[in-house]
């Protein structure tokens, strides 16, 4: 009987990830990265304040302006969570007051590409979805 190394077992387990299974770790990650503010923060960081540019670092106050409606607490929690997950880096510069910027990591940038497509789809199809909802509710 062949023995397997820990790395082999880990690779085998990874191939078994299935987000449709309740116990799958990828399901938890999917729930984390699909939240409203997570997707909007990733989109803003990945596209700059005009949401059409190249990824660049942004300050907290700049993100707060771009993300209309986000509370300071929710923005802070979202940025902390994204930093913890390795999707965003937080850089503090010793100035008076301290300057803090947030930037996508390579991992965050890879997710941003998907999020940007979702954002574009929702903007392009909002009217069609609204019309379908009105027809459904009227029947």
C-alpha atoms as a PDB file:
ATOM      1  CA  UNK A   1       0.000   0.000   0.000  1.00  0.00           C
ATOM      2  CA  UNK A   2       1.411   3.383  -1.023  1.00  0.00           C
ATOM      3  CA  UNK A   3       1.836   6.072   1.573  1.00  0.00           C
ATOM      4  CA  UNK A   4       0.863   9.670   0.909  1.00  0.00           C
ATOM      5  CA  UNK A   5       2.509  12.798   2.183  1.00  0.00           C
ATOM      6  CA  UNK A   6       0.674  15.587   3.940  1.00  0.00           C
ATOM      7  CA  UNK A   7       1.012  17.705   0.792  1.00  0.00           C
ATOM      8  CA  UNK A   8      -0.568  14.918  -1.292  1.00  0.00           C
ATOM      9  CA  UNK A   9      -3.470  14.610   1.140  1.00  0.00           C
ATOM     10  CA  UNK A  10      -3.979  18.375   1.146  1.00  0.00           C
ATOM     11  CA  UNK A  11      -3.992  18.461  -2.676  1.00  0.00           C
ATOM     12  CA  UNK A  12      -6.528  15.622  -2.763  1.00  0.00           C
ATOM     13  CA  UNK A  13      -8.784  17.396  -0.267  1.00  0.00           C
ATOM     14  CA  UNK A  14      -8.524  20.618  -2.256  1.00  0.00           C
ATOM     15  CA  UNK A  15      -9.787  18.833  -5.382  1.00  0.00           C
ATOM     16  CA  UNK A  16     -12.851  17.794  -3.395  1.00  0.00           C
ATOM     17  CA  UNK A  17     -13.932  21.378  -2.642  1.00  0.00           C
ATOM     18  CA  UNK A  18     -17.547  21.790  -3.686  1.00  0.00           C
ATOM     19  CA  UNK A  19     -19.299  25.005  -2.670  1.00  0.00           C
ATOM     20  CA  UNK A  20     -22.655  23.240  -2.914  1.00  0.00           C
ATOM     21  CA  UNK A  21     -21.753  21.141   0.154  1.00  0.00           C
ATOM     22  CA  UNK A  22     -22.538  22.786   3.492  1.00  0.00           C
ATOM     23  CA  UNK A  23     -19.269  21.693   5.121  1.00  0.00           C
ATOM     24  CA  UNK A  24     -17.054  22.901   2.272  1.00  0.00           C
ATOM     25  CA  UNK A  25     -14.610  25.681   3.265  1.00  0.00           C
ATOM     26  CA  UNK A  26     -15.042  27.278  -0.162  1.00  0.00           C
ATOM     27  CA  UNK A  27     -18.714  27.934   0.657  1.00  0.00           C
ATOM     28  CA  UNK A  28     -17.700  30.106   3.593  1.00  0.00           C
ATOM     29  CA  UNK A  29     -15.206  31.995   1.432  1.00  0.00           C
ATOM     30  CA  UNK A  30     -17.836  32.480  -1.263  1.00  0.00           C
ATOM     31  CA  UNK A  31     -20.187  33.994   1.316  1.00  0.00           C
ATOM     32  CA  UNK A  32     -17.430  36.315   2.572  1.00  0.00           C
ATOM     33  CA  UNK A  33     -16.379  37.672  -0.819  1.00  0.00           C
ATOM     34  CA  UNK A  34     -19.869  38.074  -2.244  1.00  0.00           C
ATOM     35  CA  UNK A  35     -21.108  40.624   0.281  1.00  0.00           C
ATOM     36  CA  UNK A  36     -22.358  43.987  -0.966  1.00  0.00           C
ATOM     37  CA  UNK A  37     -19.613  46.121   0.524  1.00  0.00           C
ATOM     38  CA  UNK A  38     -16.850  43.622  -0.251  1.00  0.00           C
ATOM     39  CA  UNK A  39     -17.699  43.671  -3.943  1.00  0.00           C
ATOM     40  CA  UNK A  40     -17.995  47.454  -4.018  1.00  0.00           C
ATOM     41  CA  UNK A  41     -14.707  48.014  -2.141  1.00  0.00           C
ATOM     42  CA  UNK A  42     -12.901  45.591  -4.460  1.00  0.00           C
ATOM     43  CA  UNK A  43     -14.402  47.330  -7.457  1.00  0.00           C
ATOM     44  CA  UNK A  44     -13.421  50.791  -6.215  1.00  0.00           C
ATOM     45  CA  UNK A  45      -9.870  49.771  -5.297  1.00  0.00           C
ATOM     46  CA  UNK A  46      -9.435  48.000  -8.583  1.00  0.00           C
ATOM     47  CA  UNK A  47     -10.632  50.861 -10.725  1.00  0.00           C
ATOM     48  CA  UNK A  48      -9.903  54.069  -8.879  1.00  0.00           C
ATOM     49  CA  UNK A  49     -12.493  56.692  -7.971  1.00  0.00           C
ATOM     50  CA  UNK A  50     -13.915  56.912 -11.500  1.00  0.00           C
ATOM     51  CA  UNK A  51     -14.283  53.095 -11.596  1.00  0.00           C
ATOM     52  CA  UNK A  52     -12.762  53.067 -15.094  1.00  0.00           C
ATOM     53  CA  UNK A  53      -9.065  53.476 -14.321  1.00  0.00           C
ATOM     54  CA  UNK A  54      -6.251  51.194 -13.313  1.00  0.00           C
ATOM     55  CA  UNK A  55      -5.888  49.758  -9.805  1.00  0.00           C
ATOM     56  CA  UNK A  56      -4.197  52.147  -7.417  1.00  0.00           C
ATOM     57  CA  UNK A  57      -3.915  52.755  -3.684  1.00  0.00           C
ATOM     58  CA  UNK A  58      -6.746  54.714  -2.094  1.00  0.00           C
ATOM     59  CA  UNK A  59      -7.123  56.387   1.270  1.00  0.00           C
ATOM     60  CA  UNK A  60      -9.989  55.549   3.610  1.00  0.00           C
ATOM     61  CA  UNK A  61     -11.654  58.944   3.069  1.00  0.00           C
ATOM     62  CA  UNK A  62     -11.434  58.530  -0.697  1.00  0.00           C
ATOM     63  CA  UNK A  63     -13.089  55.107  -0.481  1.00  0.00           C
ATOM     64  CA  UNK A  64     -15.797  56.533   1.771  1.00  0.00           C
ATOM     65  CA  UNK A  65     -16.583  59.220  -0.834  1.00  0.00           C
ATOM     66  CA  UNK A  66     -16.704  56.728  -3.711  1.00  0.00           C
ATOM     67  CA  UNK A  67     -18.887  54.257  -1.781  1.00  0.00           C
ATOM     68  CA  UNK A  68     -21.926  56.418  -1.125  1.00  0.00           C
ATOM     69  CA  UNK A  69     -23.997  55.049   1.719  1.00  0.00           C
ATOM     70  CA  UNK A  70     -21.352  52.977   3.478  1.00  0.00           C
ATOM     71  CA  UNK A  71     -21.086  53.685   7.191  1.00  0.00           C
ATOM     72  CA  UNK A  72     -17.642  54.281   8.704  1.00  0.00           C
ATOM     73  CA  UNK A  73     -18.046  51.138  10.813  1.00  0.00           C
ATOM     74  CA  UNK A  74     -18.977  48.956   7.820  1.00  0.00           C
ATOM     75  CA  UNK A  75     -16.137  50.327   5.687  1.00  0.00           C
ATOM     76  CA  UNK A  76     -13.640  49.708   8.492  1.00  0.00           C
ATOM     77  CA  UNK A  77     -14.912  46.163   9.051  1.00  0.00           C
ATOM     78  CA  UNK A  78     -14.849  45.397   5.335  1.00  0.00           C
ATOM     79  CA  UNK A  79     -11.309  46.720   4.876  1.00  0.00           C
ATOM     80  CA  UNK A  80     -10.115  44.792   7.932  1.00  0.00           C
ATOM     81  CA  UNK A  81     -11.699  41.584   6.624  1.00  0.00           C
ATOM     82  CA  UNK A  82     -10.202  42.042   3.149  1.00  0.00           C
ATOM     83  CA  UNK A  83      -6.795  42.718   4.685  1.00  0.00           C
ATOM     84  CA  UNK A  84      -7.094  39.604   6.861  1.00  0.00           C
ATOM     85  CA  UNK A  85      -7.987  37.503   3.807  1.00  0.00           C
ATOM     86  CA  UNK A  86      -4.956  38.809   1.918  1.00  0.00           C
ATOM     87  CA  UNK A  87      -7.005  40.589  -0.743  1.00  0.00           C
ATOM     88  CA  UNK A  88      -5.984  44.108   0.325  1.00  0.00           C
ATOM     89  CA  UNK A  89      -2.855  45.571   1.870  1.00  0.00           C
ATOM     90  CA  UNK A  90      -2.960  48.385   4.392  1.00  0.00           C
ATOM     91  CA  UNK A  91       0.006  50.753   4.368  1.00  0.00           C
ATOM     92  CA  UNK A  92       0.498  53.375   7.077  1.00  0.00           C
ATOM     93  CA  UNK A  93       2.907  56.224   6.311  1.00  0.00           C
ATOM     94  CA  UNK A  94       4.405  58.229   9.177  1.00  0.00           C
ATOM     95  CA  UNK A  95       3.016  61.686   8.487  1.00  0.00           C
ATOM     96  CA  UNK A  96       1.036  64.096  10.631  1.00  0.00           C
ATOM     97  CA  UNK A  97      -1.648  62.815  10.711  1.00  0.00           C
ATOM     98  CA  UNK A  98      -0.741  59.261   9.716  1.00  0.00           C
ATOM     99  CA  UNK A  99      -1.601  58.488   6.091  1.00  0.00           C
ATOM    100  CA  UNK A 100      -3.185  55.081   5.538  1.00  0.00           C
ATOM    101  CA  UNK A 101      -3.743  53.657   2.069  1.00  0.00           C
ATOM    102  CA  UNK A 102      -5.372  50.460   0.882  1.00  0.00           C
ATOM    103  CA  UNK A 103      -4.389  48.569  -2.251  1.00  0.00           C
ATOM    104  CA  UNK A 104      -5.349  45.301  -3.904  1.00  0.00           C
ATOM    105  CA  UNK A 105      -2.894  42.426  -3.635  1.00  0.00           C
ATOM    106  CA  UNK A 106      -2.379  40.086  -6.595  1.00  0.00           C
ATOM    107  CA  UNK A 107      -4.995  37.800  -5.042  1.00  0.00           C
ATOM    108  CA  UNK A 108      -7.405  40.723  -4.641  1.00  0.00           C
ATOM    109  CA  UNK A 109      -6.769  41.846  -8.198  1.00  0.00           C
ATOM    110  CA  UNK A 110      -7.669  38.384  -9.494  1.00  0.00           C
ATOM    111  CA  UNK A 111     -11.012  38.579  -7.657  1.00  0.00           C
ATOM    112  CA  UNK A 112     -11.519  42.194  -8.775  1.00  0.00           C
ATOM    113  CA  UNK A 113     -11.686  41.075 -12.404  1.00  0.00           C
ATOM    114  CA  UNK A 114     -14.706  38.898 -11.616  1.00  0.00           C
ATOM    115  CA  UNK A 115     -16.313  41.555  -9.420  1.00  0.00           C
ATOM    116  CA  UNK A 116     -15.908  44.186 -12.137  1.00  0.00           C
ATOM    117  CA  UNK A 117     -17.798  41.949 -14.595  1.00  0.00           C
ATOM    118  CA  UNK A 118     -20.588  41.468 -12.060  1.00  0.00           C
ATOM    119  CA  UNK A 119     -20.785  45.239 -11.488  1.00  0.00           C
ATOM    120  CA  UNK A 120     -20.948  45.906 -15.240  1.00  0.00           C
ATOM    121  CA  UNK A 121     -23.634  43.257 -15.682  1.00  0.00           C
ATOM    122  CA  UNK A 122     -25.778  44.706 -12.894  1.00  0.00           C
ATOM    123  CA  UNK A 123     -25.480  48.227 -14.320  1.00  0.00           C
ATOM    124  CA  UNK A 124     -26.363  47.017 -17.842  1.00  0.00           C
ATOM    125  CA  UNK A 125     -29.348  44.897 -16.795  1.00  0.00           C
ATOM    126  CA  UNK A 126     -30.851  46.895 -13.924  1.00  0.00           C
ATOM    127  CA  UNK A 127     -33.741  48.234 -16.007  1.00  0.00           C
ATOM    128  CA  UNK A 128     -34.635  44.788 -17.377  1.00  0.00           C
ATOM    129  CA  UNK A 129     -34.669  43.281 -13.888  1.00  0.00           C
ATOM    130  CA  UNK A 130     -36.790  46.167 -12.574  1.00  0.00           C
ATOM    131  CA  UNK A 131     -39.289  45.690 -15.415  1.00  0.00           C
ATOM    132  CA  UNK A 132     -39.490  41.944 -14.727  1.00  0.00           C
ATOM    133  CA  UNK A 133     -40.114  42.616 -11.049  1.00  0.00           C
ATOM    134  CA  UNK A 134     -42.910  45.041 -11.863  1.00  0.00           C
ATOM    135  CA  UNK A 135     -44.589  42.500 -14.205  1.00  0.00           C
ATOM    136  CA  UNK A 136     -44.234  39.735 -11.613  1.00  0.00           C
ATOM    137  CA  UNK A 137     -45.618  41.890  -8.789  1.00  0.00           C
ATOM    138  CA  UNK A 138     -48.555  43.039 -10.938  1.00  0.00           C
ATOM    139  CA  UNK A 139     -49.662  39.479 -11.703  1.00  0.00           C
END
